[in-house]
Amino acid sequence: MFFTRRPSPAVIERFLRTSQEAHLSYAPIGILGDGVSHDLDEAIVTVGCGYTDFERAKAALMGWRQFNVGWVETFPRHAPLAVGTVVAVLMRHFGFWSLNGCRVVYNVGSQRDARFGFAYGTLTNHAESGEELFEVFLNRDDEEVKYRIRATSRPQVALARLGQPIVRALQARFRRDSAAAMLRALKRFDSGGCV
């Protein structure tokens, strides 16, 4: 949904309610890792060092801190990462706003793994159709904590198809800004690497 001004809390709440019944706009779930050739976009950045920073990075993901970019918000703000959770992603771009529905479709890692994250898939009320993964992992060799954002999508609505170069630029900007948000979330990390 596109708006000329920021939608009110009531509009966002109504959008979230109707999104609960919306279907995914793509198939199959897991297309990011199914081995089939897709247009994949990915950014990986070192955000910390050691197990303590890994735990902090996990907490940042659980708090949706990777969306603290200034022009994108999620609702509800602290949604659980449970499979089936629906979120609305509100974006401000080029003088207008868009509201897009997503559902958490799977989690990655476990308590004993040095990997943690989740993926959400787009719903039929999203401008794009695809899947996006947010994960953190601890490299056991050098103790670096990495944040990875990985996505595949294609336009779903006419406006997104017409503005595909702009959409692609916004997606690249979000990957950069999301990585920077995770760095801020672990602000004590010295980007000089693990010592």
N, C-alpha and C. Protein backbone atom coordinates (compact mmCIF):
# COMPACT_ATOMS: atom_id res chain seq x y z
N MET A 1 0.84 -1.17 0.00
CA MET A 1 0.00 0.00 0.00
C MET A 1 0.89 1.24 0.00
N PHE A 2 0.53 2.21 -0.81
CA PHE A 2 1.29 3.44 -0.91
C PHE A 2 0.48 4.60 -0.36
N PHE A 3 1.18 5.56 0.28
CA PHE A 3 0.53 6.69 0.92
C PHE A 3 1.32 7.96 0.60
N THR A 4 0.62 9.08 0.53
CA THR A 4 1.30 10.36 0.31
C THR A 4 1.79 10.95 1.62
N ARG A 5 1.29 10.44 2.76
CA ARG A 5 1.79 10.86 4.07
C ARG A 5 1.87 9.63 4.97
N ARG A 6 2.56 9.78 6.08
CA ARG A 6 2.73 8.67 7.02
C ARG A 6 1.36 8.15 7.47
N PRO A 7 1.12 6.83 7.33
CA PRO A 7 -0.15 6.29 7.79
C PRO A 7 -0.28 6.40 9.31
N SER A 8 -1.50 6.60 9.77
CA SER A 8 -1.76 6.74 11.20
C SER A 8 -1.59 5.39 11.90
N PRO A 9 -1.43 5.40 13.22
CA PRO A 9 -1.37 4.13 13.96
C PRO A 9 -2.59 3.25 13.70
N ALA A 10 -3.76 3.85 13.55
CA ALA A 10 -4.98 3.06 13.28
C ALA A 10 -4.90 2.37 11.92
N VAL A 11 -4.37 3.06 10.93
CA VAL A 11 -4.22 2.47 9.59
C VAL A 11 -3.22 1.32 9.64
N ILE A 12 -2.12 1.52 10.35
CA ILE A 12 -1.10 0.46 10.47
C ILE A 12 -1.68 -0.75 11.20
N GLU A 13 -2.44 -0.51 12.26
CA GLU A 13 -3.06 -1.61 13.01
C GLU A 13 -4.06 -2.38 12.15
N ARG A 14 -4.86 -1.66 11.36
CA ARG A 14 -5.81 -2.31 10.45
C ARG A 14 -5.05 -3.14 9.40
N PHE A 15 -3.97 -2.59 8.87
CA PHE A 15 -3.15 -3.31 7.90
C PHE A 15 -2.60 -4.60 8.52
N LEU A 16 -2.10 -4.52 9.75
CA LEU A 16 -1.59 -5.71 10.44
C LEU A 16 -2.69 -6.76 10.62
N ARG A 17 -3.88 -6.32 10.99
CA ARG A 17 -4.99 -7.28 11.19
C ARG A 17 -5.33 -8.00 9.89
N THR A 18 -5.43 -7.25 8.79
CA THR A 18 -5.78 -7.89 7.52
C THR A 18 -4.63 -8.75 7.00
N SER A 19 -3.41 -8.39 7.37
CA SER A 19 -2.24 -9.17 6.93
C SER A 19 -2.20 -10.56 7.57
N GLN A 20 -2.82 -10.73 8.71
CA GLN A 20 -2.82 -12.03 9.39
C GLN A 20 -3.36 -13.13 8.48
N GLU A 21 -4.33 -12.79 7.64
CA GLU A 21 -4.96 -13.78 6.76
C GLU A 21 -4.35 -13.82 5.37
N ALA A 22 -3.43 -12.90 5.08
CA ALA A 22 -2.83 -12.84 3.74
C ALA A 22 -1.90 -14.04 3.53
N HIS A 23 -1.81 -14.48 2.30
CA HIS A 23 -0.94 -15.59 1.93
C HIS A 23 0.44 -15.07 1.53
N LEU A 24 1.41 -15.96 1.55
CA LEU A 24 2.72 -15.61 1.01
C LEU A 24 2.59 -15.34 -0.49
N SER A 25 3.41 -14.45 -1.00
CA SER A 25 3.33 -14.08 -2.41
C SER A 25 4.32 -14.85 -3.27
N TYR A 26 4.95 -15.87 -2.72
CA TYR A 26 5.96 -16.62 -3.44
C TYR A 26 5.95 -18.06 -2.90
N ALA A 27 6.66 -18.91 -3.59
CA ALA A 27 6.87 -20.29 -3.14
C ALA A 27 8.14 -20.79 -3.80
N PRO A 28 8.81 -21.73 -3.21
CA PRO A 28 8.55 -22.34 -1.90
C PRO A 28 9.25 -21.55 -0.80
N ILE A 29 8.81 -21.77 0.44
CA ILE A 29 9.53 -21.21 1.58
C ILE A 29 10.93 -21.80 1.56
N GLY A 30 11.92 -20.97 1.81
CA GLY A 30 13.31 -21.43 1.81
C GLY A 30 14.02 -21.21 0.49
N ILE A 31 13.47 -20.35 -0.37
CA ILE A 31 14.08 -20.15 -1.69
C ILE A 31 15.49 -19.57 -1.60
N LEU A 32 15.85 -18.99 -0.47
CA LEU A 32 17.21 -18.45 -0.33
C LEU A 32 18.27 -19.54 -0.25
N GLY A 33 17.86 -20.73 0.16
CA GLY A 33 18.84 -21.79 0.33
C GLY A 33 18.49 -23.07 -0.39
N ASP A 34 17.62 -22.99 -1.41
CA ASP A 34 17.16 -24.22 -2.06
C ASP A 34 18.06 -24.70 -3.19
N GLY A 35 19.16 -23.97 -3.45
CA GLY A 35 20.09 -24.41 -4.48
C GLY A 35 19.68 -24.04 -5.89
N VAL A 36 18.48 -23.48 -6.06
CA VAL A 36 18.02 -23.06 -7.38
C VAL A 36 18.57 -21.66 -7.65
N SER A 37 18.88 -21.38 -8.90
CA SER A 37 19.43 -20.08 -9.24
C SER A 37 18.38 -18.98 -9.07
N HIS A 38 18.66 -18.04 -8.19
CA HIS A 38 17.81 -16.88 -7.96
C HIS A 38 18.72 -15.65 -7.99
N ASP A 39 18.12 -14.51 -8.18
CA ASP A 39 18.87 -13.27 -8.02
C ASP A 39 19.00 -13.03 -6.52
N LEU A 40 20.18 -13.28 -5.99
CA LEU A 40 20.42 -13.12 -4.56
C LEU A 40 21.17 -11.83 -4.31
N ASP A 41 20.73 -11.14 -3.27
CA ASP A 41 21.44 -9.95 -2.79
C ASP A 41 21.91 -10.28 -1.39
N GLU A 42 23.15 -9.90 -1.08
CA GLU A 42 23.69 -10.26 0.22
C GLU A 42 24.69 -9.22 0.69
N ALA A 43 24.69 -8.98 1.98
CA ALA A 43 25.71 -8.16 2.62
C ALA A 43 26.13 -8.89 3.88
N ILE A 44 27.44 -8.95 4.11
CA ILE A 44 28.00 -9.55 5.32
C ILE A 44 28.98 -8.55 5.92
N VAL A 45 28.83 -8.29 7.21
CA VAL A 45 29.72 -7.34 7.87
C VAL A 45 30.10 -7.89 9.24
N THR A 46 31.35 -7.65 9.65
CA THR A 46 31.79 -8.03 10.99
C THR A 46 31.25 -7.00 11.97
N VAL A 47 30.53 -7.47 13.01
CA VAL A 47 29.91 -6.57 13.97
C VAL A 47 30.46 -6.74 15.38
N GLY A 48 31.29 -7.76 15.61
CA GLY A 48 31.79 -7.98 16.95
C GLY A 48 32.85 -9.06 16.99
N CYS A 49 33.21 -9.41 18.22
CA CYS A 49 34.28 -10.38 18.43
C CYS A 49 33.97 -11.21 19.67
N GLY A 50 33.90 -12.52 19.50
CA GLY A 50 33.74 -13.41 20.64
C GLY A 50 32.29 -13.69 21.00
N TYR A 51 32.15 -14.61 21.97
CA TYR A 51 30.84 -15.11 22.35
C TYR A 51 29.95 -14.02 22.94
N THR A 52 30.50 -13.11 23.73
CA THR A 52 29.68 -12.05 24.34
C THR A 52 29.06 -11.17 23.26
N ASP A 53 29.85 -10.80 22.26
CA ASP A 53 29.29 -10.01 21.16
C ASP A 53 28.30 -10.81 20.33
N PHE A 54 28.53 -12.11 20.18
CA PHE A 54 27.56 -12.95 19.48
C PHE A 54 26.22 -12.90 20.20
N GLU A 55 26.22 -13.01 21.52
CA GLU A 55 24.98 -12.95 22.30
C GLU A 55 24.33 -11.57 22.16
N ARG A 56 25.13 -10.53 22.14
CA ARG A 56 24.60 -9.17 21.95
C ARG A 56 24.00 -9.01 20.56
N ALA A 57 24.64 -9.60 19.56
CA ALA A 57 24.11 -9.54 18.20
C ALA A 57 22.79 -10.30 18.09
N LYS A 58 22.70 -11.44 18.77
CA LYS A 58 21.44 -12.19 18.79
C LYS A 58 20.33 -11.33 19.41
N ALA A 59 20.65 -10.68 20.53
CA ALA A 59 19.66 -9.83 21.19
C ALA A 59 19.23 -8.68 20.28
N ALA A 60 20.17 -8.13 19.51
CA ALA A 60 19.84 -7.05 18.57
C ALA A 60 18.86 -7.54 17.51
N LEU A 61 19.09 -8.74 16.98
CA LEU A 61 18.14 -9.30 15.99
C LEU A 61 16.78 -9.53 16.61
N MET A 62 16.75 -10.07 17.84
CA MET A 62 15.47 -10.33 18.50
C MET A 62 14.70 -9.04 18.74
N GLY A 63 15.41 -7.92 18.88
CA GLY A 63 14.78 -6.62 19.05
C GLY A 63 14.56 -5.87 17.75
N TRP A 64 14.80 -6.52 16.62
CA TRP A 64 14.62 -5.94 15.28
C TRP A 64 15.48 -4.68 15.11
N ARG A 65 16.64 -4.64 15.78
CA ARG A 65 17.50 -3.46 15.71
C ARG A 65 18.10 -3.26 14.32
N GLN A 66 18.13 -4.30 13.49
CA GLN A 66 18.65 -4.16 12.13
C GLN A 66 17.77 -3.24 11.29
N PHE A 67 16.59 -2.89 11.81
CA PHE A 67 15.70 -1.97 11.10
C PHE A 67 15.82 -0.54 11.61
N ASN A 68 16.71 -0.27 12.55
CA ASN A 68 16.90 1.09 13.07
C ASN A 68 17.73 1.91 12.08
N VAL A 69 17.12 2.21 10.95
CA VAL A 69 17.84 2.89 9.87
C VAL A 69 17.33 4.29 9.59
N GLY A 70 16.25 4.70 10.25
CA GLY A 70 15.73 6.06 10.08
C GLY A 70 14.64 6.21 9.05
N TRP A 71 14.56 5.31 8.08
CA TRP A 71 13.55 5.45 7.03
C TRP A 71 12.72 4.17 6.85
N VAL A 72 12.97 3.18 7.68
CA VAL A 72 12.21 1.92 7.67
C VAL A 72 11.86 1.58 9.11
N GLU A 73 10.63 1.13 9.34
CA GLU A 73 10.19 0.70 10.67
C GLU A 73 9.40 -0.59 10.54
N THR A 74 9.38 -1.36 11.62
CA THR A 74 8.54 -2.56 11.66
C THR A 74 7.49 -2.40 12.75
N PHE A 75 6.34 -3.00 12.52
CA PHE A 75 5.24 -3.02 13.48
C PHE A 75 4.70 -4.43 13.56
N PRO A 76 4.43 -4.94 14.76
CA PRO A 76 4.75 -4.32 16.03
C PRO A 76 6.26 -4.20 16.20
N ARG A 77 6.67 -3.25 16.98
CA ARG A 77 8.09 -2.89 17.09
C ARG A 77 8.97 -4.03 17.61
N HIS A 78 8.47 -4.81 18.53
CA HIS A 78 9.26 -5.91 19.10
C HIS A 78 8.53 -7.23 18.91
N ALA A 79 8.19 -7.52 17.67
CA ALA A 79 7.47 -8.75 17.34
C ALA A 79 8.35 -9.97 17.66
N PRO A 80 7.73 -11.05 18.14
CA PRO A 80 8.52 -12.26 18.36
C PRO A 80 9.00 -12.83 17.03
N LEU A 81 10.09 -13.59 17.09
CA LEU A 81 10.65 -14.19 15.87
C LEU A 81 10.06 -15.57 15.61
N ALA A 82 8.94 -15.88 16.20
CA ALA A 82 8.30 -17.17 16.02
C ALA A 82 7.76 -17.31 14.59
N VAL A 83 7.90 -18.50 14.04
CA VAL A 83 7.35 -18.77 12.71
C VAL A 83 5.86 -18.46 12.74
N GLY A 84 5.40 -17.71 11.74
CA GLY A 84 4.01 -17.31 11.65
C GLY A 84 3.74 -15.88 12.08
N THR A 85 4.69 -15.26 12.78
CA THR A 85 4.52 -13.87 13.21
C THR A 85 4.44 -12.96 11.99
N VAL A 86 3.46 -12.08 11.98
CA VAL A 86 3.27 -11.13 10.88
C VAL A 86 3.75 -9.76 11.32
N VAL A 87 4.48 -9.10 10.44
CA VAL A 87 4.93 -7.73 10.69
C VAL A 87 4.56 -6.85 9.50
N ALA A 88 4.40 -5.58 9.79
CA ALA A 88 4.23 -4.57 8.74
C ALA A 88 5.53 -3.80 8.66
N VAL A 89 6.05 -3.63 7.46
CA VAL A 89 7.27 -2.86 7.24
C VAL A 89 6.85 -1.55 6.58
N LEU A 90 7.11 -0.45 7.29
CA LEU A 90 6.77 0.88 6.81
C LEU A 90 8.04 1.55 6.30
N MET A 91 7.99 2.04 5.06
CA MET A 91 9.15 2.69 4.45
C MET A 91 8.78 4.09 3.97
N ARG A 92 9.69 5.03 4.19
CA ARG A 92 9.55 6.39 3.66
C ARG A 92 10.58 6.53 2.54
N HIS A 93 10.12 6.86 1.35
CA HIS A 93 11.04 6.99 0.22
C HIS A 93 10.48 7.93 -0.83
N PHE A 94 11.34 8.82 -1.29
CA PHE A 94 11.02 9.73 -2.40
C PHE A 94 9.70 10.47 -2.22
N GLY A 95 9.44 10.92 -1.01
CA GLY A 95 8.27 11.74 -0.75
C GLY A 95 6.98 10.99 -0.51
N PHE A 96 7.01 9.67 -0.45
CA PHE A 96 5.81 8.92 -0.10
C PHE A 96 6.17 7.77 0.81
N TRP A 97 5.16 7.07 1.28
CA TRP A 97 5.30 5.98 2.24
C TRP A 97 4.72 4.70 1.64
N SER A 98 5.29 3.58 2.01
CA SER A 98 4.70 2.29 1.63
C SER A 98 4.62 1.40 2.87
N LEU A 99 3.59 0.59 2.90
CA LEU A 99 3.35 -0.35 3.99
C LEU A 99 3.28 -1.73 3.37
N ASN A 100 4.10 -2.66 3.88
CA ASN A 100 4.25 -3.97 3.26
C ASN A 100 4.16 -5.07 4.32
N GLY A 101 3.43 -6.13 4.01
CA GLY A 101 3.25 -7.23 4.96
C GLY A 101 4.25 -8.35 4.75
N CYS A 102 4.77 -8.88 5.89
CA CYS A 102 5.72 -10.00 5.86
C CYS A 102 5.36 -10.98 6.98
N ARG A 103 5.75 -12.23 6.81
CA ARG A 103 5.54 -13.26 7.83
C ARG A 103 6.86 -13.99 8.07
N VAL A 104 7.20 -14.19 9.35
CA VAL A 104 8.37 -14.99 9.69
C VAL A 104 8.10 -16.41 9.21
N VAL A 105 9.00 -16.94 8.36
CA VAL A 105 8.77 -18.25 7.76
C VAL A 105 9.70 -19.35 8.29
N TYR A 106 10.85 -18.98 8.82
CA TYR A 106 11.71 -19.97 9.46
C TYR A 106 12.77 -19.28 10.30
N ASN A 107 13.33 -20.07 11.21
CA ASN A 107 14.44 -19.62 12.05
C ASN A 107 15.67 -20.43 11.68
N VAL A 108 16.85 -19.89 11.93
CA VAL A 108 18.10 -20.61 11.70
C VAL A 108 18.89 -20.66 13.00
N GLY A 109 19.69 -21.72 13.14
CA GLY A 109 20.52 -21.89 14.32
C GLY A 109 19.76 -22.51 15.47
N SER A 110 20.48 -22.70 16.55
CA SER A 110 19.91 -23.22 17.78
C SER A 110 20.77 -22.74 18.93
N GLN A 111 20.39 -23.09 20.14
CA GLN A 111 21.15 -22.66 21.31
C GLN A 111 22.60 -23.11 21.24
N ARG A 112 22.86 -24.29 20.69
CA ARG A 112 24.23 -24.80 20.67
C ARG A 112 25.02 -24.37 19.44
N ASP A 113 24.32 -23.86 18.43
CA ASP A 113 25.01 -23.38 17.22
C ASP A 113 25.61 -22.01 17.45
N ALA A 114 26.58 -21.70 16.65
CA ALA A 114 27.14 -20.35 16.66
C ALA A 114 26.50 -19.55 15.53
N ARG A 115 25.20 -19.76 15.33
CA ARG A 115 24.44 -19.13 14.26
C ARG A 115 23.04 -18.87 14.77
N PHE A 116 22.47 -17.72 14.45
CA PHE A 116 21.14 -17.37 14.91
C PHE A 116 20.51 -16.42 13.92
N GLY A 117 19.24 -16.60 13.63
CA GLY A 117 18.54 -15.67 12.76
C GLY A 117 17.17 -16.14 12.36
N PHE A 118 16.60 -15.42 11.42
CA PHE A 118 15.26 -15.73 10.94
C PHE A 118 15.10 -15.18 9.53
N ALA A 119 14.10 -15.70 8.85
CA ALA A 119 13.74 -15.18 7.53
C ALA A 119 12.27 -14.84 7.54
N TYR A 120 11.94 -13.78 6.81
CA TYR A 120 10.52 -13.53 6.58
C TYR A 120 10.25 -13.55 5.09
N GLY A 121 8.99 -13.86 4.79
CA GLY A 121 8.55 -13.89 3.41
C GLY A 121 7.51 -12.82 3.18
N THR A 122 7.44 -12.34 1.95
CA THR A 122 6.48 -11.29 1.61
C THR A 122 5.08 -11.88 1.49
N LEU A 123 4.11 -11.06 1.88
CA LEU A 123 2.70 -11.43 1.74
C LEU A 123 2.14 -10.80 0.48
N THR A 124 0.91 -11.15 0.15
CA THR A 124 0.30 -10.64 -1.08
C THR A 124 0.06 -9.13 -1.05
N ASN A 125 0.18 -8.51 0.13
CA ASN A 125 0.02 -7.05 0.22
C ASN A 125 1.36 -6.32 0.30
N HIS A 126 2.40 -6.94 -0.23
CA HIS A 126 3.75 -6.36 -0.27
C HIS A 126 4.05 -5.97 -1.72
N ALA A 127 4.80 -4.89 -1.92
CA ALA A 127 5.13 -4.43 -3.28
C ALA A 127 6.06 -5.40 -4.00
N GLU A 128 6.86 -6.15 -3.25
CA GLU A 128 7.78 -7.13 -3.82
C GLU A 128 7.32 -8.54 -3.44
N SER A 129 7.90 -9.53 -4.07
CA SER A 129 7.61 -10.92 -3.79
C SER A 129 8.93 -11.64 -3.56
N GLY A 130 9.12 -12.17 -2.33
CA GLY A 130 10.38 -12.86 -2.07
C GLY A 130 10.61 -13.12 -0.60
N GLU A 131 11.87 -13.37 -0.27
CA GLU A 131 12.25 -13.79 1.07
C GLU A 131 13.51 -13.05 1.50
N GLU A 132 13.62 -12.75 2.81
CA GLU A 132 14.79 -12.05 3.32
C GLU A 132 15.23 -12.71 4.62
N LEU A 133 16.53 -12.95 4.73
CA LEU A 133 17.14 -13.62 5.88
C LEU A 133 18.01 -12.62 6.63
N PHE A 134 17.87 -12.62 7.95
CA PHE A 134 18.71 -11.83 8.84
C PHE A 134 19.37 -12.79 9.81
N GLU A 135 20.70 -12.84 9.82
CA GLU A 135 21.35 -13.78 10.73
C GLU A 135 22.68 -13.24 11.22
N VAL A 136 23.08 -13.75 12.39
CA VAL A 136 24.39 -13.48 12.94
C VAL A 136 25.06 -14.82 13.19
N PHE A 137 26.38 -14.85 13.04
CA PHE A 137 27.10 -16.09 13.31
C PHE A 137 28.49 -15.78 13.84
N LEU A 138 28.99 -16.69 14.62
CA LEU A 138 30.31 -16.58 15.23
C LEU A 138 31.25 -17.51 14.48
N ASN A 139 32.27 -16.93 13.84
CA ASN A 139 33.26 -17.73 13.13
C ASN A 139 34.21 -18.31 14.17
N ARG A 140 34.21 -19.61 14.31
CA ARG A 140 35.02 -20.27 15.34
C ARG A 140 36.52 -20.13 15.08
N ASP A 141 36.92 -19.90 13.83
CA ASP A 141 38.35 -19.79 13.51
C ASP A 141 38.98 -18.49 14.01
N ASP A 142 38.29 -17.38 13.78
CA ASP A 142 38.88 -16.09 14.16
C ASP A 142 38.07 -15.33 15.21
N GLU A 143 36.96 -15.92 15.68
CA GLU A 143 36.11 -15.35 16.72
C GLU A 143 35.34 -14.10 16.27
N GLU A 144 35.35 -13.79 14.98
CA GLU A 144 34.59 -12.64 14.51
C GLU A 144 33.10 -12.98 14.47
N VAL A 145 32.29 -12.00 14.87
CA VAL A 145 30.83 -12.11 14.79
C VAL A 145 30.40 -11.38 13.53
N LYS A 146 29.69 -12.08 12.68
CA LYS A 146 29.25 -11.52 11.40
C LYS A 146 27.74 -11.36 11.39
N TYR A 147 27.28 -10.31 10.71
CA TYR A 147 25.87 -10.11 10.42
C TYR A 147 25.68 -10.29 8.93
N ARG A 148 24.67 -11.10 8.57
CA ARG A 148 24.37 -11.33 7.15
C ARG A 148 22.91 -10.99 6.89
N ILE A 149 22.70 -10.23 5.83
CA ILE A 149 21.36 -10.00 5.32
C ILE A 149 21.37 -10.52 3.89
N ARG A 150 20.42 -11.39 3.60
CA ARG A 150 20.38 -12.05 2.29
C ARG A 150 18.94 -12.03 1.80
N ALA A 151 18.74 -11.70 0.53
CA ALA A 151 17.38 -11.57 0.01
C ALA A 151 17.29 -11.94 -1.46
N THR A 152 16.10 -12.34 -1.82
CA THR A 152 15.75 -12.51 -3.22
C THR A 152 14.33 -11.99 -3.39
N SER A 153 14.10 -11.26 -4.47
CA SER A 153 12.75 -10.72 -4.69
C SER A 153 12.55 -10.36 -6.14
N ARG A 154 11.29 -10.16 -6.46
CA ARG A 154 10.92 -9.64 -7.77
C ARG A 154 9.71 -8.72 -7.56
N PRO A 155 9.47 -7.79 -8.46
CA PRO A 155 8.35 -6.87 -8.29
C PRO A 155 7.02 -7.62 -8.30
N GLN A 156 6.12 -7.18 -7.45
CA GLN A 156 4.79 -7.79 -7.40
C GLN A 156 3.71 -6.83 -7.89
N VAL A 157 3.90 -5.53 -7.67
CA VAL A 157 2.90 -4.56 -8.10
C VAL A 157 3.47 -3.74 -9.26
N ALA A 158 2.57 -3.12 -10.01
CA ALA A 158 2.97 -2.38 -11.21
C ALA A 158 3.97 -1.26 -10.89
N LEU A 159 3.73 -0.53 -9.82
CA LEU A 159 4.63 0.57 -9.47
C LEU A 159 6.04 0.07 -9.20
N ALA A 160 6.17 -1.08 -8.55
CA ALA A 160 7.50 -1.66 -8.29
C ALA A 160 8.15 -2.13 -9.59
N ARG A 161 7.35 -2.66 -10.52
CA ARG A 161 7.89 -3.07 -11.82
C ARG A 161 8.39 -1.86 -12.61
N LEU A 162 7.59 -0.80 -12.63
CA LEU A 162 7.97 0.41 -13.37
C LEU A 162 9.21 1.07 -12.77
N GLY A 163 9.31 1.04 -11.46
CA GLY A 163 10.42 1.69 -10.79
C GLY A 163 11.51 0.74 -10.35
N GLN A 164 11.69 -0.38 -11.07
CA GLN A 164 12.63 -1.41 -10.66
C GLN A 164 14.05 -0.90 -10.39
N PRO A 165 14.62 -0.01 -11.20
CA PRO A 165 15.96 0.50 -10.86
C PRO A 165 15.96 1.23 -9.51
N ILE A 166 14.91 1.97 -9.23
CA ILE A 166 14.81 2.68 -7.96
C ILE A 166 14.62 1.68 -6.81
N VAL A 167 13.79 0.68 -7.02
CA VAL A 167 13.57 -0.36 -6.01
C VAL A 167 14.89 -1.05 -5.69
N ARG A 168 15.65 -1.39 -6.70
CA ARG A 168 16.94 -2.08 -6.49
C ARG A 168 17.90 -1.18 -5.70
N ALA A 169 17.89 0.12 -6.00
CA ALA A 169 18.74 1.05 -5.26
C ALA A 169 18.31 1.14 -3.80
N LEU A 170 17.00 1.15 -3.54
CA LEU A 170 16.50 1.18 -2.16
C LEU A 170 16.87 -0.10 -1.42
N GLN A 171 16.79 -1.23 -2.10
CA GLN A 171 17.17 -2.50 -1.46
C GLN A 171 18.65 -2.49 -1.09
N ALA A 172 19.50 -1.99 -1.98
CA ALA A 172 20.94 -1.91 -1.67
C ALA A 172 21.18 -0.94 -0.52
N ARG A 173 20.47 0.17 -0.52
CA ARG A 173 20.60 1.13 0.59
C ARG A 173 20.18 0.48 1.91
N PHE A 174 19.09 -0.29 1.89
CA PHE A 174 18.65 -0.94 3.13
C PHE A 174 19.70 -1.92 3.64
N ARG A 175 20.32 -2.69 2.75
CA ARG A 175 21.37 -3.62 3.19
C ARG A 175 22.51 -2.86 3.87
N ARG A 176 22.95 -1.78 3.27
CA ARG A 176 24.03 -0.97 3.87
C ARG A 176 23.60 -0.38 5.20
N ASP A 177 22.41 0.20 5.24
CA ASP A 177 21.93 0.85 6.46
C ASP A 177 21.65 -0.17 7.56
N SER A 178 21.17 -1.34 7.18
CA SER A 178 20.91 -2.39 8.16
C SER A 178 22.21 -2.88 8.79
N ALA A 179 23.25 -3.04 7.98
CA ALA A 179 24.56 -3.43 8.50
C ALA A 179 25.08 -2.36 9.46
N ALA A 180 24.91 -1.09 9.10
CA ALA A 180 25.35 0.00 9.98
C ALA A 180 24.55 0.00 11.27
N ALA A 181 23.27 -0.32 11.21
CA ALA A 181 22.43 -0.38 12.42
C ALA A 181 22.91 -1.48 13.36
N MET A 182 23.32 -2.61 12.80
CA MET A 182 23.84 -3.69 13.64
C MET A 182 25.17 -3.29 14.25
N LEU A 183 26.00 -2.59 13.51
CA LEU A 183 27.26 -2.09 14.07
C LEU A 183 26.98 -1.13 15.24
N ARG A 184 25.99 -0.27 15.08
CA ARG A 184 25.63 0.65 16.17
C ARG A 184 25.09 -0.12 17.38
N ALA A 185 24.36 -1.19 17.12
CA ALA A 185 23.79 -1.97 18.21
C ALA A 185 24.88 -2.61 19.05
N LEU A 186 26.03 -2.89 18.44
CA LEU A 186 27.17 -3.46 19.16
C LEU A 186 28.28 -2.43 19.21
N LYS A 187 27.95 -1.21 19.57
CA LYS A 187 28.86 -0.06 19.40
C LYS A 187 30.19 -0.16 20.09
N ARG A 188 30.37 -1.06 21.02
CA ARG A 188 31.69 -1.15 21.66
C ARG A 188 32.69 -1.91 20.80
N PHE A 189 32.21 -2.53 19.72
CA PHE A 189 33.11 -3.27 18.84
C PHE A 189 34.07 -2.34 18.13
N ASP A 190 35.32 -2.67 18.15
CA ASP A 190 36.37 -1.92 17.43
C ASP A 190 36.52 -2.56 16.07
N SER A 191 36.23 -1.82 15.01
CA SER A 191 36.25 -2.39 13.66
C SER A 191 37.63 -2.84 13.20
N GLY A 192 38.62 -2.76 14.08
CA GLY A 192 39.94 -3.24 13.73
C GLY A 192 40.03 -4.75 13.73
N GLY A 193 38.96 -5.44 14.13
CA GLY A 193 38.94 -6.89 14.12
C GLY A 193 39.24 -7.47 15.47
N CYS A 194 39.20 -8.79 15.57
CA CYS A 194 39.45 -9.49 16.83
C CYS A 194 40.94 -9.47 17.13
N VAL A 195 41.24 -9.34 18.39
CA VAL A 195 42.65 -9.34 18.82
C VAL A 195 42.94 -10.61 19.57
